[in-house]
Amino acid sequence: MSSPTVRAPLGRRIFGRQPLGLLFSSPYLAFVLLVFAFPIVYAVWISFHDFFFAAPGAEPDRPFVGFDNYIYAFSNPQVIRSFGNVGIFLLINVPLTVVLSMLLASALNKVVHARTFLRVSFYVPYVTASVAVVAVWLFLFNGSGLVNTLLGPLAPDPSWLINENLAMPVIALYVTWKQLGFYILLYLAALQNVPKELYESASTDGAGAIRRFFSVTVPGVRPATLLVLLISTVTGANLFTEPYLLTNGGGPNGASTSPVLMMYQLGIQQGQPDVAAAIGIVLVVGVLIIAFIQNRFVGERES
């Protein structure tokens, strides 16, 4: 004879086993809904309507236009080029970020003396104001800057940041250098969870330093690698400050314009927020697809 099923109280069935946890997390949930969820939903609505900024107190007619804003946006060659530019940026920035931060974190993890000093040194560019650091890079990479002086006749003409073929790669290198300290800290934290016994066992089996790195370190920090991939991809897709400051708003001839910078130019400067919203929604969908692929090929190997 089966025992009767005991039903949990209604409050526990609705709120879970720890209703107090829901109460404590509700402020953050409200923050996420207000700051992230609502703007995305509103941007989707704007992208399907003829939306424009109206005078205070006016009640403008904003009719539904379907995919007209998307068609208009992506019939613009500059918008297409901005997505190509950010694709070039990601192809340079993301692999460099993963490789350099992993290598430097592995090296720093073995340092005994001056460990704190070195970690802080790598982290300083990340917390330094972009405007201050950009001034240094402009000094280094302008036509008569230090880099061109050292290269002499090998220096490119036109110079780095006014060269259509080199502007975006230089920006990618700048962002990689500036943000590297943050990703190094992520890898350093992950390396603390890799058992030292694995390195000792690999050494006993005759594995050298390179073999231990690829056989123990790389698999051991795979969760951190996935996190670095996701964060660097999302950050890179939202590229705005660097091309705006380094190339005077996406120059030369739009060679460093990013989708977010294009959204600013169309939505704020030209008064077309509906078209800008359409670009933003496509960008979000693209980043989600890339994140899914990264998780599919990197994240699932953990299990």
C-alpha atoms as a PDB file:
ATOM      1  CA  MET A   1       0.000   0.000   0.000  1.00  0.00           C
ATOM      2  CA  SER A   2       1.564   3.279  -1.100  1.00  0.00           C
ATOM      3  CA  SER A   3       1.898   6.084   1.384  1.00  0.00           C
ATOM      4  CA  PRO A   4      -0.160   9.208   0.736  1.00  0.00           C
ATOM      5  CA  THR A   5       1.570  12.063  -1.038  1.00  0.00           C
ATOM      6  CA  VAL A   6       2.335  14.942   1.266  1.00  0.00           C
ATOM      7  CA  ARG A   7       1.923  18.288  -0.451  1.00  0.00           C
ATOM      8  CA  ALA A   8       4.203  21.131   0.570  1.00  0.00           C
ATOM      9  CA  PRO A   9       2.629  24.320   1.844  1.00  0.00           C
ATOM     10  CA  LEU A  10       1.507  26.748  -0.850  1.00  0.00           C
ATOM     11  CA  GLY A  11       4.085  29.368   0.116  1.00  0.00           C
ATOM     12  CA  ARG A  12       6.945  26.891  -0.202  1.00  0.00           C
ATOM     13  CA  ARG A  13       5.681  25.611  -3.570  1.00  0.00           C
ATOM     14  CA  ILE A  14       5.581  29.167  -4.969  1.00  0.00           C
ATOM     15  CA  PHE A  15       8.681  30.687  -3.404  1.00  0.00           C
ATOM     16  CA  GLY A  16      10.873  27.578  -2.989  1.00  0.00           C
ATOM     17  CA  ARG A  17      12.430  26.122   0.130  1.00  0.00           C
ATOM     18  CA  GLN A  18      14.032  29.390   1.153  1.00  0.00           C
ATOM     19  CA  PRO A  19      11.542  32.257   0.655  1.00  0.00           C
ATOM     20  CA  LEU A  20      13.899  34.550   2.535  1.00  0.00           C
ATOM     21  CA  GLY A  21      16.495  34.096  -0.219  1.00  0.00           C
ATOM     22  CA  LEU A  22      14.031  35.432  -2.772  1.00  0.00           C
ATOM     23  CA  LEU A  23      13.443  38.449  -0.542  1.00  0.00           C
ATOM     24  CA  PHE A  24      17.176  39.183  -0.318  1.00  0.00           C
ATOM     25  CA  SER A  25      17.710  38.743  -4.059  1.00  0.00           C
ATOM     26  CA  SER A  26      14.704  40.828  -5.091  1.00  0.00           C
ATOM     27  CA  PRO A  27      16.607  44.182  -5.112  1.00  0.00           C
ATOM     28  CA  TYR A  28      19.142  42.785  -7.579  1.00  0.00           C
ATOM     29  CA  LEU A  29      16.354  41.199  -9.617  1.00  0.00           C
ATOM     30  CA  ALA A  30      14.611  44.566  -9.774  1.00  0.00           C
ATOM     31  CA  PHE A  31      17.900  46.183 -10.816  1.00  0.00           C
ATOM     32  CA  VAL A  32      18.385  43.668 -13.652  1.00  0.00           C
ATOM     33  CA  LEU A  33      14.813  44.137 -14.869  1.00  0.00           C
ATOM     34  CA  LEU A  34      15.036  47.927 -14.733  1.00  0.00           C
ATOM     35  CA  VAL A  35      18.538  48.413 -16.151  1.00  0.00           C
ATOM     36  CA  PHE A  36      18.810  45.513 -18.623  1.00  0.00           C
ATOM     37  CA  ALA A  37      15.525  43.772 -19.407  1.00  0.00           C
ATOM     38  CA  PHE A  38      13.312  46.842 -19.830  1.00  0.00           C
ATOM     39  CA  PRO A  39      15.727  48.748 -22.136  1.00  0.00           C
ATOM     40  CA  ILE A  40      16.124  45.681 -24.381  1.00  0.00           C
ATOM     41  CA  VAL A  41      12.368  45.142 -24.629  1.00  0.00           C
ATOM     42  CA  TYR A  42      11.839  48.853 -25.269  1.00  0.00           C
ATOM     43  CA  ALA A  43      14.572  48.859 -27.927  1.00  0.00           C
ATOM     44  CA  VAL A  44      12.829  45.967 -29.698  1.00  0.00           C
ATOM     45  CA  TRP A  45       9.589  47.982 -29.661  1.00  0.00           C
ATOM     46  CA  ILE A  46      11.347  51.081 -30.999  1.00  0.00           C
ATOM     47  CA  SER A  47      12.996  49.106 -33.799  1.00  0.00           C
ATOM     48  CA  PHE A  48       9.592  48.094 -35.192  1.00  0.00           C
ATOM     49  CA  HIS A  49       8.077  51.591 -35.087  1.00  0.00           C
ATOM     50  CA  ASP A  50       8.643  54.940 -36.736  1.00  0.00           C
ATOM     51  CA  PHE A  51      10.152  56.410 -33.591  1.00  0.00           C
ATOM     52  CA  PHE A  52      11.560  59.903 -33.193  1.00  0.00           C
ATOM     53  CA  PHE A  53      12.279  62.316 -30.393  1.00  0.00           C
ATOM     54  CA  ALA A  54       9.313  64.610 -29.762  1.00  0.00           C
ATOM     55  CA  ALA A  55       9.033  67.886 -27.919  1.00  0.00           C
ATOM     56  CA  PRO A  56       8.042  67.666 -24.225  1.00  0.00           C
ATOM     57  CA  GLY A  57       4.280  67.328 -23.838  1.00  0.00           C
ATOM     58  CA  ALA A  58       3.686  66.289 -27.454  1.00  0.00           C
ATOM     59  CA  GLU A  59       1.959  63.023 -28.297  1.00  0.00           C
ATOM     60  CA  PRO A  60       3.499  61.961 -31.621  1.00  0.00           C
ATOM     61  CA  ASP A  61       2.141  59.195 -33.798  1.00  0.00           C
ATOM     62  CA  ARG A  62       4.648  56.347 -33.944  1.00  0.00           C
ATOM     63  CA  PRO A  63       3.178  53.766 -36.327  1.00  0.00           C
ATOM     64  CA  PHE A  64       4.284  50.163 -36.643  1.00  0.00           C
ATOM     65  CA  VAL A  65       6.599  49.794 -39.651  1.00  0.00           C
ATOM     66  CA  GLY A  66       7.626  46.161 -39.402  1.00  0.00           C
ATOM     67  CA  PHE A  67      11.174  45.480 -40.612  1.00  0.00           C
ATOM     68  CA  ASP A  68      11.541  48.793 -42.446  1.00  0.00           C
ATOM     69  CA  ASN A  69      14.093  50.100 -39.941  1.00  0.00           C
ATOM     70  CA  TYR A  70      16.174  46.930 -40.286  1.00  0.00           C
ATOM     71  CA  ILE A  71      16.043  47.107 -44.086  1.00  0.00           C
ATOM     72  CA  TYR A  72      16.954  50.783 -44.052  1.00  0.00           C
ATOM     73  CA  ALA A  73      19.821  50.232 -41.607  1.00  0.00           C
ATOM     74  CA  PHE A  74      21.417  47.332 -43.443  1.00  0.00           C
ATOM     75  CA  SER A  75      21.014  48.892 -46.861  1.00  0.00           C
ATOM     76  CA  ASN A  76      23.513  51.470 -45.584  1.00  0.00           C
ATOM     77  CA  PRO A  77      27.072  50.387 -46.545  1.00  0.00           C
ATOM     78  CA  GLN A  78      28.497  52.165 -43.498  1.00  0.00           C
ATOM     79  CA  VAL A  79      26.422  49.993 -41.162  1.00  0.00           C
ATOM     80  CA  ILE A  80      27.584  46.838 -42.940  1.00  0.00           C
ATOM     81  CA  ARG A  81      31.159  48.050 -42.709  1.00  0.00           C
ATOM     82  CA  SER A  82      30.831  48.768 -38.989  1.00  0.00           C
ATOM     83  CA  PHE A  83      29.924  45.123 -38.378  1.00  0.00           C
ATOM     84  CA  GLY A  84      32.889  44.060 -40.488  1.00  0.00           C
ATOM     85  CA  ASN A  85      35.117  46.380 -38.465  1.00  0.00           C
ATOM     86  CA  VAL A  86      34.028  44.893 -35.159  1.00  0.00           C
ATOM     87  CA  GLY A  87      34.511  41.424 -36.655  1.00  0.00           C
ATOM     88  CA  ILE A  88      38.141  42.310 -37.428  1.00  0.00           C
ATOM     89  CA  PHE A  89      38.490  43.695 -33.925  1.00  0.00           C
ATOM     90  CA  LEU A  90      37.162  40.499 -32.313  1.00  0.00           C
ATOM     91  CA  LEU A  91      39.340  38.257 -34.479  1.00  0.00           C
ATOM     92  CA  ILE A  92      42.414  40.094 -33.187  1.00  0.00           C
ATOM     93  CA  ASN A  93      41.383  40.999 -29.652  1.00  0.00           C
ATOM     94  CA  VAL A  94      39.723  37.818 -28.359  1.00  0.00           C
ATOM     95  CA  PRO A  95      42.448  35.269 -29.282  1.00  0.00           C
ATOM     96  CA  LEU A  96      45.199  37.645 -28.118  1.00  0.00           C
ATOM     97  CA  THR A  97      43.384  38.235 -24.845  1.00  0.00           C
ATOM     98  CA  VAL A  98      42.966  34.524 -24.133  1.00  0.00           C
ATOM     99  CA  VAL A  99      46.510  33.527 -25.083  1.00  0.00           C
ATOM    100  CA  LEU A 100      48.386  36.414 -23.464  1.00  0.00           C
ATOM    101  CA  SER A 101      46.365  36.467 -20.242  1.00  0.00           C
ATOM    102  CA  MET A 102      46.737  32.706 -19.806  1.00  0.00           C
ATOM    103  CA  LEU A 103      50.487  32.758 -20.466  1.00  0.00           C
ATOM    104  CA  LEU A 104      51.129  35.770 -18.241  1.00  0.00           C
ATOM    105  CA  ALA A 105      48.946  34.379 -15.447  1.00  0.00           C
ATOM    106  CA  SER A 106      50.846  31.076 -15.573  1.00  0.00           C
ATOM    107  CA  ALA A 107      54.141  32.944 -15.387  1.00  0.00           C
ATOM    108  CA  LEU A 108      52.980  35.200 -12.551  1.00  0.00           C
ATOM    109  CA  ASN A 109      51.685  32.194 -10.635  1.00  0.00           C
ATOM    110  CA  LYS A 110      55.254  30.857 -10.452  1.00  0.00           C
ATOM    111  CA  VAL A 111      56.828  34.136  -9.355  1.00  0.00           C
ATOM    112  CA  VAL A 112      57.925  34.172  -5.732  1.00  0.00           C
ATOM    113  CA  HIS A 113      59.445  37.632  -5.310  1.00  0.00           C
ATOM    114  CA  ALA A 114      57.627  40.870  -6.216  1.00  0.00           C
ATOM    115  CA  ARG A 115      54.453  38.919  -7.039  1.00  0.00           C
ATOM    116  CA  THR A 116      52.100  41.620  -5.739  1.00  0.00           C
ATOM    117  CA  PHE A 117      54.004  44.372  -7.531  1.00  0.00           C
ATOM    118  CA  LEU A 118      53.819  42.563 -10.869  1.00  0.00           C
ATOM    119  CA  ARG A 119      50.110  41.790 -10.500  1.00  0.00           C
ATOM    120  CA  VAL A 120      49.321  45.411  -9.692  1.00  0.00           C
ATOM    121  CA  SER A 121      51.480  46.569 -12.613  1.00  0.00           C
ATOM    122  CA  PHE A 122      49.451  44.524 -15.072  1.00  0.00           C
ATOM    123  CA  TYR A 123      46.188  45.731 -13.521  1.00  0.00           C
ATOM    124  CA  VAL A 124      46.987  49.463 -13.537  1.00  0.00           C
ATOM    125  CA  PRO A 125      46.106  50.080 -17.241  1.00  0.00           C
ATOM    126  CA  TYR A 126      42.700  48.470 -16.702  1.00  0.00           C
ATOM    127  CA  VAL A 127      41.731  50.898 -13.926  1.00  0.00           C
ATOM    128  CA  THR A 128      43.320  53.955 -15.527  1.00  0.00           C
ATOM    129  CA  ALA A 129      40.959  56.395 -17.220  1.00  0.00           C
ATOM    130  CA  SER A 130      40.721  55.761 -20.959  1.00  0.00           C
ATOM    131  CA  VAL A 131      41.189  59.427 -21.811  1.00  0.00           C
ATOM    132  CA  ALA A 132      44.568  59.532 -20.068  1.00  0.00           C
ATOM    133  CA  VAL A 133      45.811  56.303 -21.642  1.00  0.00           C
ATOM    134  CA  VAL A 134      44.539  57.281 -25.107  1.00  0.00           C
ATOM    135  CA  ALA A 135      46.671  60.421 -24.947  1.00  0.00           C
ATOM    136  CA  VAL A 136      49.760  58.241 -24.501  1.00  0.00           C
ATOM    137  CA  TRP A 137      48.827  56.008 -27.449  1.00  0.00           C
ATOM    138  CA  LEU A 138      48.159  59.021 -29.650  1.00  0.00           C
ATOM    139  CA  PHE A 139      51.639  60.247 -28.782  1.00  0.00           C
ATOM    140  CA  LEU A 140      53.132  56.838 -29.600  1.00  0.00           C
ATOM    141  CA  PHE A 141      51.318  56.183 -32.883  1.00  0.00           C
ATOM    142  CA  ASN A 142      50.938  59.583 -34.540  1.00  0.00           C
ATOM    143  CA  GLY A 143      52.925  60.482 -37.640  1.00  0.00           C
ATOM    144  CA  SER A 144      55.914  61.806 -35.686  1.00  0.00           C
ATOM    145  CA  GLY A 145      55.414  59.587 -32.643  1.00  0.00           C
ATOM    146  CA  LEU A 146      57.854  57.341 -30.852  1.00  0.00           C
ATOM    147  CA  VAL A 147      56.877  54.181 -32.761  1.00  0.00           C
ATOM    148  CA  ASN A 148      57.423  55.767 -36.176  1.00  0.00           C
ATOM    149  CA  THR A 149      60.689  57.283 -34.978  1.00  0.00           C
ATOM    150  CA  LEU A 150      61.973  53.859 -33.960  1.00  0.00           C
ATOM    151  CA  LEU A 151      60.781  52.208 -37.180  1.00  0.00           C
ATOM    152  CA  GLY A 152      62.216  54.912 -39.399  1.00  0.00           C
ATOM    153  CA  PRO A 153      61.712  54.024 -43.086  1.00  0.00           C
ATOM    154  CA  LEU A 154      59.686  50.952 -42.076  1.00  0.00           C
ATOM    155  CA  ALA A 155      56.914  53.132 -40.597  1.00  0.00           C
ATOM    156  CA  PRO A 156      53.606  52.894 -42.493  1.00  0.00           C
ATOM    157  CA  ASP A 157      52.439  55.771 -44.655  1.00  0.00           C
ATOM    158  CA  PRO A 158      49.822  57.015 -43.896  1.00  0.00           C
ATOM    159  CA  SER A 159      50.470  56.529 -40.211  1.00  0.00           C
ATOM    160  CA  TRP A 160      48.793  53.951 -37.962  1.00  0.00           C
ATOM    161  CA  LEU A 161      45.589  55.604 -36.804  1.00  0.00           C
ATOM    162  CA  ILE A 162      44.901  57.385 -40.093  1.00  0.00           C
ATOM    163  CA  ASN A 163      45.571  54.275 -42.161  1.00  0.00           C
ATOM    164  CA  GLU A 164      42.394  52.457 -43.241  1.00  0.00           C
ATOM    165  CA  ASN A 165      44.085  49.056 -43.033  1.00  0.00           C
ATOM    166  CA  LEU A 166      45.812  49.584 -39.686  1.00  0.00           C
ATOM    167  CA  ALA A 167      43.431  51.717 -37.605  1.00  0.00           C
ATOM    168  CA  MET A 168      41.254  48.865 -36.339  1.00  0.00           C
ATOM    169  CA  PRO A 169      44.171  46.454 -35.631  1.00  0.00           C
ATOM    170  CA  VAL A 170      45.889  49.192 -33.608  1.00  0.00           C
ATOM    171  CA  ILE A 171      42.674  49.757 -31.635  1.00  0.00           C
ATOM    172  CA  ALA A 172      42.431  46.005 -31.035  1.00  0.00           C
ATOM    173  CA  LEU A 173      45.995  45.939 -29.700  1.00  0.00           C
ATOM    174  CA  TYR A 174      45.270  48.935 -27.476  1.00  0.00           C
ATOM    175  CA  VAL A 175      42.143  47.339 -25.967  1.00  0.00           C
ATOM    176  CA  THR A 176      43.986  44.043 -25.473  1.00  0.00           C
ATOM    177  CA  TRP A 177      46.792  45.782 -23.612  1.00  0.00           C
ATOM    178  CA  LYS A 178      44.472  47.931 -21.497  1.00  0.00           C
ATOM    179  CA  GLN A 179      42.148  45.135 -20.359  1.00  0.00           C
ATOM    180  CA  LEU A 180      44.726  42.371 -20.017  1.00  0.00           C
ATOM    181  CA  GLY A 181      45.185  42.853 -16.267  1.00  0.00           C
ATOM    182  CA  PHE A 182      41.568  41.982 -15.520  1.00  0.00           C
ATOM    183  CA  TYR A 183      41.728  38.707 -17.435  1.00  0.00           C
ATOM    184  CA  ILE A 184      45.076  37.838 -15.848  1.00  0.00           C
ATOM    185  CA  LEU A 185      43.405  38.050 -12.442  1.00  0.00           C
ATOM    186  CA  LEU A 186      40.653  35.704 -13.623  1.00  0.00           C
ATOM    187  CA  TYR A 187      43.219  33.152 -14.744  1.00  0.00           C
ATOM    188  CA  LEU A 188      45.251  33.559 -11.556  1.00  0.00           C
ATOM    189  CA  ALA A 189      42.145  32.735  -9.532  1.00  0.00           C
ATOM    190  CA  ALA A 190      41.483  29.692 -11.731  1.00  0.00           C
ATOM    191  CA  LEU A 191      45.060  28.454 -11.379  1.00  0.00           C
ATOM    192  CA  GLN A 192      44.630  28.223  -7.611  1.00  0.00           C
ATOM    193  CA  ASN A 193      42.075  25.456  -8.195  1.00  0.00           C
ATOM    194  CA  VAL A 194      44.351  23.308 -10.368  1.00  0.00           C
ATOM    195  CA  PRO A 195      45.723  20.546  -8.082  1.00  0.00           C
ATOM    196  CA  LYS A 196      49.506  20.619  -7.756  1.00  0.00           C
ATOM    197  CA  GLU A 197      49.461  16.822  -7.751  1.00  0.00           C
ATOM    198  CA  LEU A 198      48.608  16.918 -11.459  1.00  0.00           C
ATOM    199  CA  TYR A 199      51.791  18.855 -12.212  1.00  0.00           C
ATOM    200  CA  GLU A 200      53.834  16.511 -10.032  1.00  0.00           C
ATOM    201  CA  SER A 201      52.341  13.480 -11.736  1.00  0.00           C
ATOM    202  CA  ALA A 202      53.047  14.944 -15.173  1.00  0.00           C
ATOM    203  CA  SER A 203      56.637  15.690 -14.158  1.00  0.00           C
ATOM    204  CA  THR A 204      57.052  12.132 -12.900  1.00  0.00           C
ATOM    205  CA  ASP A 205      55.888  10.871 -16.293  1.00  0.00           C
ATOM    206  CA  GLY A 206      58.598  12.941 -17.945  1.00  0.00           C
ATOM    207  CA  ALA A 207      56.490  15.848 -19.208  1.00  0.00           C
ATOM    208  CA  GLY A 208      58.379  19.076 -19.746  1.00  0.00           C
ATOM    209  CA  ALA A 209      57.137  22.590 -19.020  1.00  0.00           C
ATOM    210  CA  ILE A 210      55.397  22.974 -22.380  1.00  0.00           C
ATOM    211  CA  ARG A 211      53.728  19.569 -22.148  1.00  0.00           C
ATOM    212  CA  ARG A 212      52.567  20.307 -18.573  1.00  0.00           C
ATOM    213  CA  PHE A 213      51.104  23.610 -19.741  1.00  0.00           C
ATOM    214  CA  PHE A 214      48.999  22.032 -22.483  1.00  0.00           C
ATOM    215  CA  SER A 215      48.139  18.846 -20.570  1.00  0.00           C
ATOM    216  CA  VAL A 216      47.426  20.276 -17.127  1.00  0.00           C
ATOM    217  CA  THR A 217      47.103  24.059 -17.152  1.00  0.00           C
ATOM    218  CA  VAL A 218      44.958  24.539 -20.266  1.00  0.00           C
ATOM    219  CA  PRO A 219      42.338  21.890 -19.301  1.00  0.00           C
ATOM    220  CA  GLY A 220      42.444  22.990 -15.666  1.00  0.00           C
ATOM    221  CA  VAL A 221      41.512  26.604 -16.429  1.00  0.00           C
ATOM    222  CA  ARG A 222      38.908  25.814 -19.126  1.00  0.00           C
ATOM    223  CA  PRO A 223      36.030  27.358 -17.090  1.00  0.00           C
ATOM    224  CA  ALA A 224      38.041  30.584 -16.825  1.00  0.00           C
ATOM    225  CA  THR A 225      38.790  30.426 -20.554  1.00  0.00           C
ATOM    226  CA  LEU A 226      35.081  30.279 -21.310  1.00  0.00           C
ATOM    227  CA  LEU A 227      34.485  33.260 -19.022  1.00  0.00           C
ATOM    228  CA  VAL A 228      37.301  35.237 -20.664  1.00  0.00           C
ATOM    229  CA  LEU A 229      35.913  34.408 -24.115  1.00  0.00           C
ATOM    230  CA  LEU A 230      32.422  35.546 -23.167  1.00  0.00           C
ATOM    231  CA  ILE A 231      33.472  38.760 -21.422  1.00  0.00           C
ATOM    232  CA  SER A 232      35.982  39.810 -24.093  1.00  0.00           C
ATOM    233  CA  THR A 233      33.455  39.109 -26.851  1.00  0.00           C
ATOM    234  CA  VAL A 234      30.682  41.109 -25.169  1.00  0.00           C
ATOM    235  CA  THR A 235      33.087  43.941 -24.336  1.00  0.00           C
ATOM    236  CA  GLY A 236      34.495  43.981 -27.860  1.00  0.00           C
ATOM    237  CA  ALA A 237      31.055  43.998 -29.465  1.00  0.00           C
ATOM    238  CA  ASN A 238      30.258  47.126 -27.414  1.00  0.00           C
ATOM    239  CA  LEU A 239      33.362  48.936 -28.654  1.00  0.00           C
ATOM    240  CA  PHE A 240      32.799  52.694 -28.553  1.00  0.00           C
ATOM    241  CA  THR A 241      35.227  54.740 -26.458  1.00  0.00           C
ATOM    242  CA  GLU A 242      38.435  53.657 -28.167  1.00  0.00           C
ATOM    243  CA  PRO A 243      37.554  54.443 -31.822  1.00  0.00           C
ATOM    244  CA  TYR A 244      35.726  57.581 -30.707  1.00  0.00           C
ATOM    245  CA  LEU A 245      38.841  58.909 -28.962  1.00  0.00           C
ATOM    246  CA  LEU A 246      41.669  57.415 -31.029  1.00  0.00           C
ATOM    247  CA  THR A 247      40.326  58.060 -34.539  1.00  0.00           C
ATOM    248  CA  ASN A 248      38.035  61.063 -34.011  1.00  0.00           C
ATOM    249  CA  GLY A 249      34.790  59.149 -34.265  1.00  0.00           C
ATOM    250  CA  GLY A 250      35.517  56.143 -36.450  1.00  0.00           C
ATOM    251  CA  GLY A 251      37.960  57.423 -39.049  1.00  0.00           C
ATOM    252  CA  PRO A 252      39.585  57.248 -41.437  1.00  0.00           C
ATOM    253  CA  ASN A 253      36.579  56.995 -43.773  1.00  0.00           C
ATOM    254  CA  GLY A 254      34.687  54.759 -41.372  1.00  0.00           C
ATOM    255  CA  ALA A 255      37.495  52.190 -41.133  1.00  0.00           C
ATOM    256  CA  SER A 256      37.232  52.013 -37.335  1.00  0.00           C
ATOM    257  CA  THR A 257      33.526  52.718 -36.866  1.00  0.00           C
ATOM    258  CA  SER A 258      31.882  50.129 -34.617  1.00  0.00           C
ATOM    259  CA  PRO A 259      28.150  49.266 -34.548  1.00  0.00           C
ATOM    260  CA  VAL A 260      27.750  51.001 -31.175  1.00  0.00           C
ATOM    261  CA  LEU A 261      29.465  54.113 -32.504  1.00  0.00           C
ATOM    262  CA  MET A 262      27.194  53.940 -35.556  1.00  0.00           C
ATOM    263  CA  MET A 263      24.179  53.714 -33.223  1.00  0.00           C
ATOM    264  CA  TYR A 264      25.353  56.864 -31.464  1.00  0.00           C
ATOM    265  CA  GLN A 265      25.825  58.716 -34.740  1.00  0.00           C
ATOM    266  CA  LEU A 266      22.441  57.677 -36.152  1.00  0.00           C
ATOM    267  CA  GLY A 267      20.386  57.739 -32.959  1.00  0.00           C
ATOM    268  CA  ILE A 268      21.762  60.815 -31.187  1.00  0.00           C
ATOM    269  CA  GLN A 269      23.492  62.958 -33.780  1.00  0.00           C
ATOM    270  CA  GLN A 270      21.109  62.301 -36.701  1.00  0.00           C
ATOM    271  CA  GLY A 271      17.876  61.766 -34.738  1.00  0.00           C
ATOM    272  CA  GLN A 272      17.087  58.243 -35.968  1.00  0.00           C
ATOM    273  CA  PRO A 273      16.708  56.198 -32.757  1.00  0.00           C
ATOM    274  CA  ASP A 274      14.502  53.618 -34.499  1.00  0.00           C
ATOM    275  CA  VAL A 275      17.261  52.741 -36.974  1.00  0.00           C
ATOM    276  CA  ALA A 276      19.845  52.759 -34.189  1.00  0.00           C
ATOM    277  CA  ALA A 277      17.651  50.381 -32.158  1.00  0.00           C
ATOM    278  CA  ALA A 278      17.460  48.003 -35.124  1.00  0.00           C
ATOM    279  CA  ILE A 279      21.257  47.930 -35.318  1.00  0.00           C
ATOM    280  CA  GLY A 280      21.446  47.297 -31.586  1.00  0.00           C
ATOM    281  CA  ILE A 281      19.028  44.356 -31.706  1.00  0.00           C
ATOM    282  CA  VAL A 282      20.973  42.718 -34.531  1.00  0.00           C
ATOM    283  CA  LEU A 283      24.176  43.237 -32.541  1.00  0.00           C
ATOM    284  CA  VAL A 284      22.658  41.624 -29.433  1.00  0.00           C
ATOM    285  CA  VAL A 285      21.446  38.625 -31.436  1.00  0.00           C
ATOM    286  CA  GLY A 286      24.867  38.276 -33.061  1.00  0.00           C
ATOM    287  CA  VAL A 287      26.648  38.328 -29.696  1.00  0.00           C
ATOM    288  CA  LEU A 288      24.221  35.739 -28.302  1.00  0.00           C
ATOM    289  CA  ILE A 289      24.945  33.444 -31.251  1.00  0.00           C
ATOM    290  CA  ILE A 290      28.701  33.811 -30.783  1.00  0.00           C
ATOM    291  CA  ALA A 291      28.336  33.187 -27.039  1.00  0.00           C
ATOM    292  CA  PHE A 292      26.311  30.046 -27.733  1.00  0.00           C
ATOM    293  CA  ILE A 293      28.983  28.744 -30.109  1.00  0.00           C
ATOM    294  CA  GLN A 294      31.724  29.485 -27.574  1.00  0.00           C
ATOM    295  CA  ASN A 295      29.828  27.688 -24.833  1.00  0.00           C
ATOM    296  CA  ARG A 296      29.113  24.778 -27.183  1.00  0.00           C
ATOM    297  CA  PHE A 297      32.732  24.188 -28.116  1.00  0.00           C
ATOM    298  CA  VAL A 298      34.489  25.277 -24.909  1.00  0.00           C
ATOM    299  CA  GLY A 299      32.055  25.088 -22.008  1.00  0.00           C
ATOM    300  CA  GLU A 300      30.575  21.631 -22.555  1.00  0.00           C
ATOM    301  CA  ARG A 301      33.994  19.996 -22.481  1.00  0.00           C
ATOM    302  CA  GLU A 302      34.047  20.581 -18.738  1.00  0.00           C
ATOM    303  CA  SER A 303      31.546  17.797 -18.142  1.00  0.00           C
END
